[in-house]
């Protein structure tokens, strides 16, 4: 998922600090207060110590941006400055938004959260020990990370999927399961896993929320 993403740090009540007003204070959820300048200095230190070329950071208070910075460059080689329109890959931060997407589709009757996922798209990558248990995996289990799948598997090396526990009886964070769910729903709706599926996602979730530059496929915005 590609997303023009402002990362909300310090969730919770923040004393307003507008960009450029470094003397004003921010307050963390634990009650610690610090200036916007101290936040600036900490971010620069963090980027330097972790070798992060660039980032876009925001603090939100009750839906309002009270602190925002664009720092660094998009990559070390090109050194293109980070701006308010720089596109970031949201990676696993997309999972909660994707889960909301699935809930909206279920609400509309387009998918069944409790239907066996293999009926939407079979998965050929399970080992023999996982059969037939994998056929009990449902979209709801995937969304709750209770399907039993690993986070990722290296299919290029011929590695097969095994289940850590019977589906629905434990917790195991799994990007692999989310990928299967996305592909399965795209197949079930006869949209595939590209622009048509992304268009449905945008129409259902991001555009109604005012997230005009958020998509599951690359955008040159």
C-alpha atoms as a PDB file:
ATOM      1  CA  UNK A   1       0.000   0.000   0.000  1.00  0.00           C
ATOM      2  CA  UNK A   2       1.395   3.356  -1.023  1.00  0.00           C
ATOM      3  CA  UNK A   3       0.275   6.251   1.087  1.00  0.00           C
ATOM      4  CA  UNK A   4       1.030   9.929   1.536  1.00  0.00           C
ATOM      5  CA  UNK A   5       1.379   9.192   5.209  1.00  0.00           C
ATOM      6  CA  UNK A   6       1.629  11.575   8.142  1.00  0.00           C
ATOM      7  CA  UNK A   7       2.601   9.393  11.084  1.00  0.00           C
ATOM      8  CA  UNK A   8       0.736  10.341  14.243  1.00  0.00           C
ATOM      9  CA  UNK A   9       3.245  10.337  17.077  1.00  0.00           C
ATOM     10  CA  UNK A  10       2.443  10.937  20.713  1.00  0.00           C
ATOM     11  CA  UNK A  11      -1.186   9.931  20.369  1.00  0.00           C
ATOM     12  CA  UNK A  12      -3.316  11.594  22.970  1.00  0.00           C
ATOM     13  CA  UNK A  13      -3.810  15.146  24.170  1.00  0.00           C
ATOM     14  CA  UNK A  14      -1.141  17.420  22.792  1.00  0.00           C
ATOM     15  CA  UNK A  15      -0.832  21.084  23.642  1.00  0.00           C
ATOM     16  CA  UNK A  16      -1.067  22.829  20.231  1.00  0.00           C
ATOM     17  CA  UNK A  17       2.242  23.693  18.614  1.00  0.00           C
ATOM     18  CA  UNK A  18       2.107  25.199  15.161  1.00  0.00           C
ATOM     19  CA  UNK A  19       4.910  24.741  12.663  1.00  0.00           C
ATOM     20  CA  UNK A  20       7.518  27.411  13.231  1.00  0.00           C
ATOM     21  CA  UNK A  21       6.428  28.132  16.799  1.00  0.00           C
ATOM     22  CA  UNK A  22       9.224  26.159  18.413  1.00  0.00           C
ATOM     23  CA  UNK A  23       8.753  27.768  21.826  1.00  0.00           C
ATOM     24  CA  UNK A  24       5.345  26.162  22.328  1.00  0.00           C
ATOM     25  CA  UNK A  25       5.113  22.877  24.182  1.00  0.00           C
ATOM     26  CA  UNK A  26       4.000  19.401  23.229  1.00  0.00           C
ATOM     27  CA  UNK A  27       2.792  16.953  25.834  1.00  0.00           C
ATOM     28  CA  UNK A  28       3.124  13.188  25.638  1.00  0.00           C
ATOM     29  CA  UNK A  29       0.436  10.754  26.876  1.00  0.00           C
ATOM     30  CA  UNK A  30       2.592  10.218  29.981  1.00  0.00           C
ATOM     31  CA  UNK A  31       2.443  13.927  30.804  1.00  0.00           C
ATOM     32  CA  UNK A  32       6.000  14.807  29.807  1.00  0.00           C
ATOM     33  CA  UNK A  33       6.250  18.198  28.109  1.00  0.00           C
ATOM     34  CA  UNK A  34       8.842  19.326  25.591  1.00  0.00           C
ATOM     35  CA  UNK A  35       9.187  22.043  23.015  1.00  0.00           C
ATOM     36  CA  UNK A  36       8.730  21.694  19.291  1.00  0.00           C
ATOM     37  CA  UNK A  37      12.430  22.549  18.987  1.00  0.00           C
ATOM     38  CA  UNK A  38      13.299  19.608  21.239  1.00  0.00           C
ATOM     39  CA  UNK A  39      11.131  17.417  19.017  1.00  0.00           C
ATOM     40  CA  UNK A  40      12.975  18.731  15.966  1.00  0.00           C
ATOM     41  CA  UNK A  41      16.365  17.987  17.541  1.00  0.00           C
ATOM     42  CA  UNK A  42      15.277  14.492  18.596  1.00  0.00           C
ATOM     43  CA  UNK A  43      14.041  13.643  15.103  1.00  0.00           C
ATOM     44  CA  UNK A  44      17.300  14.792  13.514  1.00  0.00           C
ATOM     45  CA  UNK A  45      19.253  12.698  16.049  1.00  0.00           C
ATOM     46  CA  UNK A  46      17.033   9.666  15.434  1.00  0.00           C
ATOM     47  CA  UNK A  47      17.367   9.919  11.655  1.00  0.00           C
ATOM     48  CA  UNK A  48      21.144  10.253  11.936  1.00  0.00           C
ATOM     49  CA  UNK A  49      21.605   7.357  14.363  1.00  0.00           C
ATOM     50  CA  UNK A  50      19.328   5.005  12.398  1.00  0.00           C
ATOM     51  CA  UNK A  51      20.530   6.183   8.979  1.00  0.00           C
ATOM     52  CA  UNK A  52      17.042   7.231   7.859  1.00  0.00           C
ATOM     53  CA  UNK A  53      17.291   9.439   4.743  1.00  0.00           C
ATOM     54  CA  UNK A  54      13.972  11.199   5.206  1.00  0.00           C
ATOM     55  CA  UNK A  55      10.617  11.226   6.928  1.00  0.00           C
ATOM     56  CA  UNK A  56       7.365  13.123   7.262  1.00  0.00           C
ATOM     57  CA  UNK A  57       6.075  13.434  10.817  1.00  0.00           C
ATOM     58  CA  UNK A  58       2.934  14.887  12.336  1.00  0.00           C
ATOM     59  CA  UNK A  59       1.335  15.120  15.763  1.00  0.00           C
ATOM     60  CA  UNK A  60      -2.461  15.142  15.720  1.00  0.00           C
ATOM     61  CA  UNK A  61      -4.761  16.350  18.454  1.00  0.00           C
ATOM     62  CA  UNK A  62      -8.451  15.530  18.075  1.00  0.00           C
ATOM     63  CA  UNK A  63      -8.100  15.363  14.313  1.00  0.00           C
ATOM     64  CA  UNK A  64      -6.070  18.571  14.024  1.00  0.00           C
ATOM     65  CA  UNK A  65      -2.410  18.677  12.977  1.00  0.00           C
ATOM     66  CA  UNK A  66      -0.565  20.556  15.727  1.00  0.00           C
ATOM     67  CA  UNK A  67       3.007  19.701  14.705  1.00  0.00           C
ATOM     68  CA  UNK A  68       4.311  18.736  11.268  1.00  0.00           C
ATOM     69  CA  UNK A  69       7.768  18.379   9.761  1.00  0.00           C
ATOM     70  CA  UNK A  70       9.183  17.147   6.447  1.00  0.00           C
ATOM     71  CA  UNK A  71      12.807  16.179   7.013  1.00  0.00           C
ATOM     72  CA  UNK A  72      15.612  14.829   4.858  1.00  0.00           C
ATOM     73  CA  UNK A  73      15.597  13.334   1.379  1.00  0.00           C
ATOM     74  CA  UNK A  74      13.828  10.501  -0.437  1.00  0.00           C
ATOM     75  CA  UNK A  75      17.069   8.545  -0.890  1.00  0.00           C
ATOM     76  CA  UNK A  76      20.799   9.006  -0.407  1.00  0.00           C
ATOM     77  CA  UNK A  77      21.618   8.898  -4.123  1.00  0.00           C
ATOM     78  CA  UNK A  78      19.154  11.386  -5.624  1.00  0.00           C
ATOM     79  CA  UNK A  79      18.751  13.556  -2.516  1.00  0.00           C
ATOM     80  CA  UNK A  80      15.282  14.735  -3.524  1.00  0.00           C
ATOM     81  CA  UNK A  81      13.915  16.710  -0.553  1.00  0.00           C
ATOM     82  CA  UNK A  82      10.972  15.267   1.383  1.00  0.00           C
ATOM     83  CA  UNK A  83       7.907  17.471   0.887  1.00  0.00           C
ATOM     84  CA  UNK A  84       4.237  17.442   1.851  1.00  0.00           C
ATOM     85  CA  UNK A  85       3.515  15.534  -1.370  1.00  0.00           C
ATOM     86  CA  UNK A  86       6.198  12.850  -1.052  1.00  0.00           C
ATOM     87  CA  UNK A  87       4.744   9.355  -1.412  1.00  0.00           C
ATOM     88  CA  UNK A  88       5.630   6.837   1.300  1.00  0.00           C
ATOM     89  CA  UNK A  89       5.065   3.094   1.460  1.00  0.00           C
ATOM     90  CA  UNK A  90       2.874   2.432   4.479  1.00  0.00           C
ATOM     91  CA  UNK A  91       3.792  -1.281   4.672  1.00  0.00           C
ATOM     92  CA  UNK A  92       1.949  -2.980   7.551  1.00  0.00           C
ATOM     93  CA  UNK A  93       0.322   0.280   8.634  1.00  0.00           C
ATOM     94  CA  UNK A  94      -2.034  -0.517   5.766  1.00  0.00           C
ATOM     95  CA  UNK A  95      -3.464  -3.549   7.597  1.00  0.00           C
ATOM     96  CA  UNK A  96      -5.952  -1.655   9.825  1.00  0.00           C
ATOM     97  CA  UNK A  97      -7.198   0.295   6.806  1.00  0.00           C
ATOM     98  CA  UNK A  98      -7.436  -2.896   4.753  1.00  0.00           C
ATOM     99  CA  UNK A  99      -9.361  -4.545   7.606  1.00  0.00           C
ATOM    100  CA  UNK A 100     -11.812  -1.635   7.535  1.00  0.00           C
ATOM    101  CA  UNK A 101     -12.131  -2.163   3.769  1.00  0.00           C
ATOM    102  CA  UNK A 102     -13.037  -5.817   4.322  1.00  0.00           C
ATOM    103  CA  UNK A 103     -15.618  -4.875   6.958  1.00  0.00           C
ATOM    104  CA  UNK A 104     -17.221  -2.406   4.567  1.00  0.00           C
ATOM    105  CA  UNK A 105     -17.406  -5.062   1.832  1.00  0.00           C
ATOM    106  CA  UNK A 106     -18.990  -7.474   4.317  1.00  0.00           C
ATOM    107  CA  UNK A 107     -21.454  -4.777   5.358  1.00  0.00           C
ATOM    108  CA  UNK A 108     -22.397  -4.354   1.700  1.00  0.00           C
ATOM    109  CA  UNK A 109     -22.876  -8.104   1.287  1.00  0.00           C
ATOM    110  CA  UNK A 110     -20.016  -8.474  -1.190  1.00  0.00           C
ATOM    111  CA  UNK A 111     -18.049 -10.901   0.976  1.00  0.00           C
ATOM    112  CA  UNK A 112     -18.776 -13.234   3.893  1.00  0.00           C
ATOM    113  CA  UNK A 113     -16.329 -12.893   6.771  1.00  0.00           C
ATOM    114  CA  UNK A 114     -17.065 -16.444   7.894  1.00  0.00           C
ATOM    115  CA  UNK A 115     -16.865 -18.195   4.527  1.00  0.00           C
ATOM    116  CA  UNK A 116     -13.873 -20.516   4.022  1.00  0.00           C
ATOM    117  CA  UNK A 117     -11.289 -18.349   2.288  1.00  0.00           C
ATOM    118  CA  UNK A 118     -10.234 -21.145  -0.055  1.00  0.00           C
ATOM    119  CA  UNK A 119     -13.665 -20.905  -1.708  1.00  0.00           C
ATOM    120  CA  UNK A 120     -12.682 -17.417  -2.879  1.00  0.00           C
ATOM    121  CA  UNK A 121      -9.240 -18.538  -4.022  1.00  0.00           C
ATOM    122  CA  UNK A 122      -7.519 -21.817  -3.277  1.00  0.00           C
ATOM    123  CA  UNK A 123      -3.994 -21.638  -1.897  1.00  0.00           C
ATOM    124  CA  UNK A 124      -1.610 -24.239  -3.376  1.00  0.00           C
ATOM    125  CA  UNK A 125       1.239 -23.519  -0.978  1.00  0.00           C
ATOM    126  CA  UNK A 126       0.271 -25.469   2.165  1.00  0.00           C
ATOM    127  CA  UNK A 127       2.194 -28.537   3.262  1.00  0.00           C
ATOM    128  CA  UNK A 128       0.440 -31.865   3.750  1.00  0.00           C
ATOM    129  CA  UNK A 129       0.225 -31.477   7.528  1.00  0.00           C
ATOM    130  CA  UNK A 130      -1.822 -28.287   7.093  1.00  0.00           C
ATOM    131  CA  UNK A 131      -4.464 -30.062   5.038  1.00  0.00           C
ATOM    132  CA  UNK A 132      -7.420 -30.069   5.465  1.00  0.00           C
ATOM    133  CA  UNK A 133      -7.229 -27.598   8.384  1.00  0.00           C
ATOM    134  CA  UNK A 134      -6.379 -24.668   6.100  1.00  0.00           C
ATOM    135  CA  UNK A 135      -9.801 -25.052   4.479  1.00  0.00           C
ATOM    136  CA  UNK A 136     -11.372 -23.835   7.722  1.00  0.00           C
ATOM    137  CA  UNK A 137      -9.571 -20.463   7.553  1.00  0.00           C
ATOM    138  CA  UNK A 138     -11.975 -17.550   7.119  1.00  0.00           C
ATOM    139  CA  UNK A 139     -11.517 -13.840   6.335  1.00  0.00           C
ATOM    140  CA  UNK A 140     -12.443 -13.063   9.943  1.00  0.00           C
ATOM    141  CA  UNK A 141      -9.582 -15.239  11.213  1.00  0.00           C
ATOM    142  CA  UNK A 142      -7.148 -13.545   8.845  1.00  0.00           C
ATOM    143  CA  UNK A 143      -8.216 -10.076   9.988  1.00  0.00           C
ATOM    144  CA  UNK A 144      -7.764 -11.145  13.632  1.00  0.00           C
ATOM    145  CA  UNK A 145      -4.397 -12.843  12.930  1.00  0.00           C
ATOM    146  CA  UNK A 146      -5.790 -16.118  14.215  1.00  0.00           C
ATOM    147  CA  UNK A 147      -5.451 -18.136  10.996  1.00  0.00           C
ATOM    148  CA  UNK A 148      -2.217 -19.797  12.126  1.00  0.00           C
ATOM    149  CA  UNK A 149      -0.155 -18.755   9.104  1.00  0.00           C
ATOM    150  CA  UNK A 150       3.419 -17.453   9.432  1.00  0.00           C
ATOM    151  CA  UNK A 151       4.206 -13.817   8.746  1.00  0.00           C
ATOM    152  CA  UNK A 152       5.955 -14.623   5.456  1.00  0.00           C
ATOM    153  CA  UNK A 153       7.173 -17.675   3.617  1.00  0.00           C
ATOM    154  CA  UNK A 154       9.865 -17.841   0.947  1.00  0.00           C
ATOM    155  CA  UNK A 155       7.971 -19.437  -1.907  1.00  0.00           C
ATOM    156  CA  UNK A 156      10.878 -18.900  -4.301  1.00  0.00           C
ATOM    157  CA  UNK A 157      12.843 -21.496  -2.353  1.00  0.00           C
ATOM    158  CA  UNK A 158       9.965 -23.949  -2.556  1.00  0.00           C
ATOM    159  CA  UNK A 159       9.043 -23.422   1.091  1.00  0.00           C
ATOM    160  CA  UNK A 160       5.515 -24.559   1.916  1.00  0.00           C
ATOM    161  CA  UNK A 161       3.134 -23.041   4.440  1.00  0.00           C
ATOM    162  CA  UNK A 162       2.513 -24.776   7.736  1.00  0.00           C
ATOM    163  CA  UNK A 163       0.065 -23.822  10.461  1.00  0.00           C
ATOM    164  CA  UNK A 164       1.294 -22.849  13.925  1.00  0.00           C
ATOM    165  CA  UNK A 165      -2.012 -23.948  15.468  1.00  0.00           C
ATOM    166  CA  UNK A 166      -5.516 -24.972  14.380  1.00  0.00           C
ATOM    167  CA  UNK A 167      -7.150 -21.984  12.663  1.00  0.00           C
ATOM    168  CA  UNK A 168      -9.054 -19.776  15.077  1.00  0.00           C
ATOM    169  CA  UNK A 169      -7.351 -21.135  18.205  1.00  0.00           C
ATOM    170  CA  UNK A 170      -4.400 -18.786  18.675  1.00  0.00           C
ATOM    171  CA  UNK A 171      -2.684 -15.593  17.565  1.00  0.00           C
ATOM    172  CA  UNK A 172       0.075 -15.300  14.977  1.00  0.00           C
ATOM    173  CA  UNK A 173       0.721 -12.063  13.091  1.00  0.00           C
ATOM    174  CA  UNK A 174       0.676 -12.830   9.375  1.00  0.00           C
ATOM    175  CA  UNK A 175       1.284 -10.651   6.355  1.00  0.00           C
ATOM    176  CA  UNK A 176       1.099 -13.831   4.283  1.00  0.00           C
ATOM    177  CA  UNK A 177      -2.516 -14.349   5.366  1.00  0.00           C
ATOM    178  CA  UNK A 178      -3.445 -10.762   4.497  1.00  0.00           C
ATOM    179  CA  UNK A 179      -1.957 -11.181   1.025  1.00  0.00           C
ATOM    180  CA  UNK A 180      -4.008 -14.331   0.513  1.00  0.00           C
ATOM    181  CA  UNK A 181      -7.142 -12.531   1.707  1.00  0.00           C
ATOM    182  CA  UNK A 182      -6.566  -9.599  -0.647  1.00  0.00           C
ATOM    183  CA  UNK A 183      -5.945 -11.893  -3.602  1.00  0.00           C
ATOM    184  CA  UNK A 184      -8.912 -14.064  -2.656  1.00  0.00           C
ATOM    185  CA  UNK A 185     -11.350 -11.177  -2.359  1.00  0.00           C
ATOM    186  CA  UNK A 186     -10.066  -9.644  -5.593  1.00  0.00           C
ATOM    187  CA  UNK A 187     -10.612 -12.981  -7.329  1.00  0.00           C
ATOM    188  CA  UNK A 188     -14.025 -13.486  -5.724  1.00  0.00           C
ATOM    189  CA  UNK A 189     -15.182 -10.059  -6.930  1.00  0.00           C
ATOM    190  CA  UNK A 190     -13.635 -10.714 -10.362  1.00  0.00           C
ATOM    191  CA  UNK A 191     -11.440  -7.640 -10.030  1.00  0.00           C
ATOM    192  CA  UNK A 192      -8.016  -9.219  -9.757  1.00  0.00           C
ATOM    193  CA  UNK A 193      -5.230  -7.630  -7.722  1.00  0.00           C
ATOM    194  CA  UNK A 194      -4.437  -4.400  -9.534  1.00  0.00           C
ATOM    195  CA  UNK A 195      -6.153  -1.201 -10.639  1.00  0.00           C
ATOM    196  CA  UNK A 196      -9.810  -2.391 -10.503  1.00  0.00           C
ATOM    197  CA  UNK A 197      -9.353  -3.685  -6.934  1.00  0.00           C
ATOM    198  CA  UNK A 198      -7.533  -0.493  -5.999  1.00  0.00           C
ATOM    199  CA  UNK A 199     -10.337   1.605  -7.495  1.00  0.00           C
ATOM    200  CA  UNK A 200     -12.867  -0.219  -5.304  1.00  0.00           C
ATOM    201  CA  UNK A 201     -10.669   0.335  -2.249  1.00  0.00           C
ATOM    202  CA  UNK A 202     -10.400   4.048  -2.965  1.00  0.00           C
ATOM    203  CA  UNK A 203     -14.123   4.443  -3.635  1.00  0.00           C
ATOM    204  CA  UNK A 204     -15.057   2.492  -0.497  1.00  0.00           C
ATOM    205  CA  UNK A 205     -12.506   3.754   2.006  1.00  0.00           C
ATOM    206  CA  UNK A 206      -9.994   6.447   1.209  1.00  0.00           C
ATOM    207  CA  UNK A 207     -11.959   8.928  -0.899  1.00  0.00           C
ATOM    208  CA  UNK A 208     -14.896   9.111   1.566  1.00  0.00           C
ATOM    209  CA  UNK A 209     -12.306   9.775   4.298  1.00  0.00           C
ATOM    210  CA  UNK A 210     -10.642  12.536   2.294  1.00  0.00           C
ATOM    211  CA  UNK A 211      -7.470  10.478   1.747  1.00  0.00           C
ATOM    212  CA  UNK A 212      -7.125  11.458  -1.896  1.00  0.00           C
ATOM    213  CA  UNK A 213      -3.556  10.261  -2.325  1.00  0.00           C
ATOM    214  CA  UNK A 214      -3.810   6.842  -0.704  1.00  0.00           C
ATOM    215  CA  UNK A 215      -3.847   3.694  -2.832  1.00  0.00           C
ATOM    216  CA  UNK A 216      -2.784   0.054  -2.942  1.00  0.00           C
ATOM    217  CA  UNK A 217      -0.976   0.554  -6.221  1.00  0.00           C
ATOM    218  CA  UNK A 218       1.797   2.988  -7.057  1.00  0.00           C
ATOM    219  CA  UNK A 219       0.764   6.574  -7.767  1.00  0.00           C
ATOM    220  CA  UNK A 220       2.951   9.286  -9.286  1.00  0.00           C
ATOM    221  CA  UNK A 221       1.265  11.973  -7.206  1.00  0.00           C
END
